[in-house]
Amino acid sequence: MGELTDKIKGNVNEAIGKVKQQSGNPATRQEGRDQELKGKAQQLKGEVKGKLGDNI
């Protein structure tokens, strides 16, 4: 179950990050890039959990 949760959170963070990057505010654009990277990391974590099992 942790695998699916991490992947969903990752997708949400990526989507929100991409929207923030469309802002006219440079600080918000940077926040969006950071959030998108966080989402990619969460998805990777979910993939690793899927391969190793949820008990890590």
PDB file of N, CA and C in Angstrom:
ATOM      1  N   MET A   1       0.816  -1.194   0.000  1.00  0.00           N
ATOM      2  CA  MET A   1       0.000   0.000   0.000  1.00  0.00           C
ATOM      3  C   MET A   1       0.861   1.260   0.000  1.00  0.00           C
ATOM      4  N   GLY A   2       1.996   1.223   0.620  1.00  0.00           N
ATOM      5  CA  GLY A   2       2.873   2.387   0.649  1.00  0.00           C
ATOM      6  C   GLY A   2       3.354   2.778  -0.730  1.00  0.00           C
ATOM      7  N   GLU A   3       3.514   1.780  -1.577  1.00  0.00           N
ATOM      8  CA  GLU A   3       3.956   2.031  -2.945  1.00  0.00           C
ATOM      9  C   GLU A   3       2.948   2.923  -3.671  1.00  0.00           C
ATOM     10  N   LEU A   4       1.695   2.560  -3.622  1.00  0.00           N
ATOM     11  CA  LEU A   4       0.649   3.313  -4.309  1.00  0.00           C
ATOM     12  C   LEU A   4       0.516   4.722  -3.732  1.00  0.00           C
ATOM     13  N   THR A   5       0.577   4.836  -2.419  1.00  0.00           N
ATOM     14  CA  THR A   5       0.475   6.141  -1.761  1.00  0.00           C
ATOM     15  C   THR A   5       1.597   7.070  -2.215  1.00  0.00           C
ATOM     16  N   ASP A   6       2.825   6.560  -2.264  1.00  0.00           N
ATOM     17  CA  ASP A   6       3.956   7.386  -2.686  1.00  0.00           C
ATOM     18  C   ASP A   6       3.806   7.818  -4.139  1.00  0.00           C
ATOM     19  N   LYS A   7       3.338   6.913  -4.981  1.00  0.00           N
ATOM     20  CA  LYS A   7       3.174   7.259  -6.394  1.00  0.00           C
ATOM     21  C   LYS A   7       2.089   8.321  -6.578  1.00  0.00           C
ATOM     22  N   ILE A   8       0.998   8.205  -5.839  1.00  0.00           N
ATOM     23  CA  ILE A   8      -0.078   9.197  -5.941  1.00  0.00           C
ATOM     24  C   ILE A   8       0.409  10.560  -5.458  1.00  0.00           C
ATOM     25  N   LYS A   9       1.061  10.586  -4.296  1.00  0.00           N
ATOM     26  CA  LYS A   9       1.588  11.849  -3.779  1.00  0.00           C
ATOM     27  C   LYS A   9       2.578  12.461  -4.774  1.00  0.00           C
ATOM     28  N   GLY A  10       3.398  11.609  -5.379  1.00  0.00           N
ATOM     29  CA  GLY A  10       4.361  12.087  -6.360  1.00  0.00           C
ATOM     30  C   GLY A  10       3.686  12.716  -7.556  1.00  0.00           C
ATOM     31  N   ASN A  11       2.645  12.067  -8.060  1.00  0.00           N
ATOM     32  CA  ASN A  11       1.906  12.620  -9.202  1.00  0.00           C
ATOM     33  C   ASN A  11       1.275  13.964  -8.865  1.00  0.00           C
ATOM     34  N   VAL A  12       0.710  14.062  -7.662  1.00  0.00           N
ATOM     35  CA  VAL A  12       0.072  15.311  -7.244  1.00  0.00           C
ATOM     36  C   VAL A  12       1.111  16.429  -7.138  1.00  0.00           C
ATOM     37  N   ASN A  13       2.231  16.144  -6.497  1.00  0.00           N
ATOM     38  CA  ASN A  13       3.270  17.169  -6.351  1.00  0.00           C
ATOM     39  C   ASN A  13       3.833  17.594  -7.708  1.00  0.00           C
ATOM     40  N   GLU A  14       3.998  16.641  -8.616  1.00  0.00           N
ATOM     41  CA  GLU A  14       4.480  16.997  -9.953  1.00  0.00           C
ATOM     42  C   GLU A  14       3.494  17.921 -10.659  1.00  0.00           C
ATOM     43  N   ALA A  15       2.221  17.586 -10.597  1.00  0.00           N
ATOM     44  CA  ALA A  15       1.200  18.395 -11.268  1.00  0.00           C
ATOM     45  C   ALA A  15       1.130  19.803 -10.697  1.00  0.00           C
ATOM     46  N   ILE A  16       1.121  19.907  -9.375  1.00  0.00           N
ATOM     47  CA  ILE A  16       1.069  21.224  -8.738  1.00  0.00           C
ATOM     48  C   ILE A  16       2.331  22.022  -9.072  1.00  0.00           C
ATOM     49  N   GLY A  17       3.474  21.350  -9.070  1.00  0.00           N
ATOM     50  CA  GLY A  17       4.721  22.019  -9.412  1.00  0.00           C
ATOM     51  C   GLY A  17       4.715  22.575 -10.814  1.00  0.00           C
ATOM     52  N   LYS A  18       4.167  21.808 -11.754  1.00  0.00           N
ATOM     53  CA  LYS A  18       4.104  22.276 -13.140  1.00  0.00           C
ATOM     54  C   LYS A  18       3.201  23.497 -13.274  1.00  0.00           C
ATOM     55  N   VAL A  19       2.109  23.514 -12.534  1.00  0.00           N
ATOM     56  CA  VAL A  19       1.207  24.671 -12.566  1.00  0.00           C
ATOM     57  C   VAL A  19       1.909  25.894 -11.989  1.00  0.00           C
ATOM     58  N   LYS A  20       2.600  25.726 -10.880  1.00  0.00           N
ATOM     59  CA  LYS A  20       3.295  26.853 -10.244  1.00  0.00           C
ATOM     60  C   LYS A  20       4.381  27.426 -11.156  1.00  0.00           C
ATOM     61  N   GLN A  21       4.966  26.591 -11.993  1.00  0.00           N
ATOM     62  CA  GLN A  21       6.016  27.063 -12.889  1.00  0.00           C
ATOM     63  C   GLN A  21       5.482  28.005 -13.966  1.00  0.00           C
ATOM     64  N   GLN A  22       4.190  28.048 -14.148  1.00  0.00           N
ATOM     65  CA  GLN A  22       3.582  28.941 -15.133  1.00  0.00           C
ATOM     66  C   GLN A  22       3.343  30.345 -14.566  1.00  0.00           C
ATOM     67  N   SER A  23       3.652  30.530 -13.288  1.00  0.00           N
ATOM     68  CA  SER A  23       3.432  31.800 -12.614  1.00  0.00           C
ATOM     69  C   SER A  23       4.375  32.881 -13.151  1.00  0.00           C
ATOM     70  N   GLY A  24       3.972  34.123 -12.997  1.00  0.00           N
ATOM     71  CA  GLY A  24       4.820  35.244 -13.369  1.00  0.00           C
ATOM     72  C   GLY A  24       5.816  35.607 -12.277  1.00  0.00           C
ATOM     73  N   ASN A  25       5.634  35.037 -11.103  1.00  0.00           N
ATOM     74  CA  ASN A  25       6.484  35.326  -9.952  1.00  0.00           C
ATOM     75  C   ASN A  25       7.677  34.358  -9.945  1.00  0.00           C
ATOM     76  N   PRO A  26       8.911  34.881  -9.995  1.00  0.00           N
ATOM     77  CA  PRO A  26      10.086  34.000 -10.014  1.00  0.00           C
ATOM     78  C   PRO A  26      10.181  33.070  -8.796  1.00  0.00           C
ATOM     79  N   ALA A  27       9.790  33.558  -7.642  1.00  0.00           N
ATOM     80  CA  ALA A  27       9.852  32.722  -6.437  1.00  0.00           C
ATOM     81  C   ALA A  27       8.868  31.555  -6.543  1.00  0.00           C
ATOM     82  N   THR A  28       7.689  31.826  -7.079  1.00  0.00           N
ATOM     83  CA  THR A  28       6.692  30.776  -7.241  1.00  0.00           C
ATOM     84  C   THR A  28       7.142  29.774  -8.302  1.00  0.00           C
ATOM     85  N   ARG A  29       7.785  30.256  -9.356  1.00  0.00           N
ATOM     86  CA  ARG A  29       8.308  29.347 -10.387  1.00  0.00           C
ATOM     87  C   ARG A  29       9.348  28.407  -9.797  1.00  0.00           C
ATOM     88  N   GLN A  30      10.237  28.942  -8.949  1.00  0.00           N
ATOM     89  CA  GLN A  30      11.254  28.106  -8.320  1.00  0.00           C
ATOM     90  C   GLN A  30      10.603  27.102  -7.377  1.00  0.00           C
ATOM     91  N   GLU A  31       9.617  27.546  -6.632  1.00  0.00           N
ATOM     92  CA  GLU A  31       8.883  26.653  -5.742  1.00  0.00           C
ATOM     93  C   GLU A  31       8.250  25.513  -6.558  1.00  0.00           C
ATOM     94  N   GLY A  32       7.745  25.835  -7.719  1.00  0.00           N
ATOM     95  CA  GLY A  32       7.155  24.832  -8.595  1.00  0.00           C
ATOM     96  C   GLY A  32       8.175  23.819  -9.082  1.00  0.00           C
ATOM     97  N   ARG A  33       9.351  24.289  -9.447  1.00  0.00           N
ATOM     98  CA  ARG A  33      10.414  23.367  -9.878  1.00  0.00           C
ATOM     99  C   ARG A  33      10.806  22.442  -8.736  1.00  0.00           C
ATOM    100  N   ASP A  34      10.930  23.014  -7.542  1.00  0.00           N
ATOM    101  CA  ASP A  34      11.280  22.205  -6.373  1.00  0.00           C
ATOM    102  C   ASP A  34      10.197  21.170  -6.079  1.00  0.00           C
ATOM    103  N   GLN A  35       8.941  21.576  -6.177  1.00  0.00           N
ATOM    104  CA  GLN A  35       7.836  20.674  -5.880  1.00  0.00           C
ATOM    105  C   GLN A  35       7.755  19.562  -6.939  1.00  0.00           C
ATOM    106  N   GLU A  36       8.034  19.903  -8.179  1.00  0.00           N
ATOM    107  CA  GLU A  36       8.023  18.881  -9.225  1.00  0.00           C
ATOM    108  C   GLU A  36       9.120  17.847  -8.970  1.00  0.00           C
ATOM    109  N   LEU A  37      10.301  18.301  -8.569  1.00  0.00           N
ATOM    110  CA  LEU A  37      11.385  17.366  -8.248  1.00  0.00           C
ATOM    111  C   LEU A  37      11.027  16.489  -7.051  1.00  0.00           C
ATOM    112  N   LYS A  38      10.366  17.079  -6.065  1.00  0.00           N
ATOM    113  CA  LYS A  38       9.922  16.308  -4.908  1.00  0.00           C
ATOM    114  C   LYS A  38       8.961  15.209  -5.361  1.00  0.00           C
ATOM    115  N   GLY A  39       8.067  15.549  -6.272  1.00  0.00           N
ATOM    116  CA  GLY A  39       7.119  14.573  -6.791  1.00  0.00           C
ATOM    117  C   GLY A  39       7.811  13.434  -7.516  1.00  0.00           C
ATOM    118  N   LYS A  40       8.819  13.760  -8.300  1.00  0.00           N
ATOM    119  CA  LYS A  40       9.568  12.717  -9.014  1.00  0.00           C
ATOM    120  C   LYS A  40      10.277  11.797  -8.025  1.00  0.00           C
ATOM    121  N   ALA A  41      10.808  12.375  -6.948  1.00  0.00           N
ATOM    122  CA  ALA A  41      11.472  11.566  -5.932  1.00  0.00           C
ATOM    123  C   ALA A  41      10.472  10.646  -5.224  1.00  0.00           C
ATOM    124  N   GLN A  42       9.275  11.160  -4.948  1.00  0.00           N
ATOM    125  CA  GLN A  42       8.256  10.336  -4.304  1.00  0.00           C
ATOM    126  C   GLN A  42       7.844   9.179  -5.210  1.00  0.00           C
ATOM    127  N   GLN A  43       7.729   9.437  -6.490  1.00  0.00           N
ATOM    128  CA  GLN A  43       7.370   8.363  -7.412  1.00  0.00           C
ATOM    129  C   GLN A  43       8.465   7.302  -7.461  1.00  0.00           C
ATOM    130  N   LEU A  44       9.713   7.741  -7.467  1.00  0.00           N
ATOM    131  CA  LEU A  44      10.833   6.806  -7.458  1.00  0.00           C
ATOM    132  C   LEU A  44      10.801   5.959  -6.185  1.00  0.00           C
ATOM    133  N   LYS A  45      10.531   6.601  -5.064  1.00  0.00           N
ATOM    134  CA  LYS A  45      10.417   5.886  -3.791  1.00  0.00           C
ATOM    135  C   LYS A  45       9.334   4.816  -3.878  1.00  0.00           C
ATOM    136  N   GLY A  46       8.207   5.155  -4.488  1.00  0.00           N
ATOM    137  CA  GLY A  46       7.123   4.198  -4.657  1.00  0.00           C
ATOM    138  C   GLY A  46       7.531   3.022  -5.533  1.00  0.00           C
ATOM    139  N   GLU A  47       8.284   3.310  -6.594  1.00  0.00           N
ATOM    140  CA  GLU A  47       8.753   2.233  -7.470  1.00  0.00           C
ATOM    141  C   GLU A  47       9.708   1.302  -6.738  1.00  0.00           C
ATOM    142  N   VAL A  48      10.599   1.874  -5.940  1.00  0.00           N
ATOM    143  CA  VAL A  48      11.539   1.056  -5.175  1.00  0.00           C
ATOM    144  C   VAL A  48      10.779   0.188  -4.171  1.00  0.00           C
ATOM    145  N   LYS A  49       9.817   0.775  -3.487  1.00  0.00           N
ATOM    146  CA  LYS A  49       9.003   0.002  -2.547  1.00  0.00           C
ATOM    147  C   LYS A  49       8.301  -1.148  -3.272  1.00  0.00           C
ATOM    148  N   GLY A  50       7.833  -0.890  -4.466  1.00  0.00           N
ATOM    149  CA  GLY A  50       7.155  -1.923  -5.232  1.00  0.00           C
ATOM    150  C   GLY A  50       8.065  -3.092  -5.566  1.00  0.00           C
ATOM    151  N   LYS A  51       9.314  -2.786  -5.846  1.00  0.00           N
ATOM    152  CA  LYS A  51      10.265  -3.837  -6.200  1.00  0.00           C
ATOM    153  C   LYS A  51      10.787  -4.581  -4.970  1.00  0.00           C
ATOM    154  N   LEU A  52      10.969  -3.870  -3.863  1.00  0.00           N
ATOM    155  CA  LEU A  52      11.521  -4.481  -2.650  1.00  0.00           C
ATOM    156  C   LEU A  52      10.462  -4.962  -1.682  1.00  0.00           C
ATOM    157  N   GLY A  53       9.267  -4.445  -1.818  1.00  0.00           N
ATOM    158  CA  GLY A  53       8.214  -4.755  -0.862  1.00  0.00           C
ATOM    159  C   GLY A  53       7.971  -3.556   0.025  1.00  0.00           C
ATOM    160  N   ASP A  54       6.790  -3.462   0.587  1.00  0.00           N
ATOM    161  CA  ASP A  54       6.413  -2.311   1.402  1.00  0.00           C
ATOM    162  C   ASP A  54       7.093  -2.272   2.759  1.00  0.00           C
ATOM    163  N   ASN A  55       7.755  -3.324   3.159  1.00  0.00           N
ATOM    164  CA  ASN A  55       8.322  -3.395   4.512  1.00  0.00           C
ATOM    165  C   ASN A  55       9.748  -2.868   4.576  1.00  0.00           C
ATOM    166  N   ILE A  56       9.992  -1.717   3.944  1.00  0.00           N
ATOM    167  CA  ILE A  56      11.341  -1.138   4.021  1.00  0.00           C
ATOM    168  C   ILE A  56      11.301   0.120   4.848  1.00  0.00           C
TER     169      ILE A  56
END
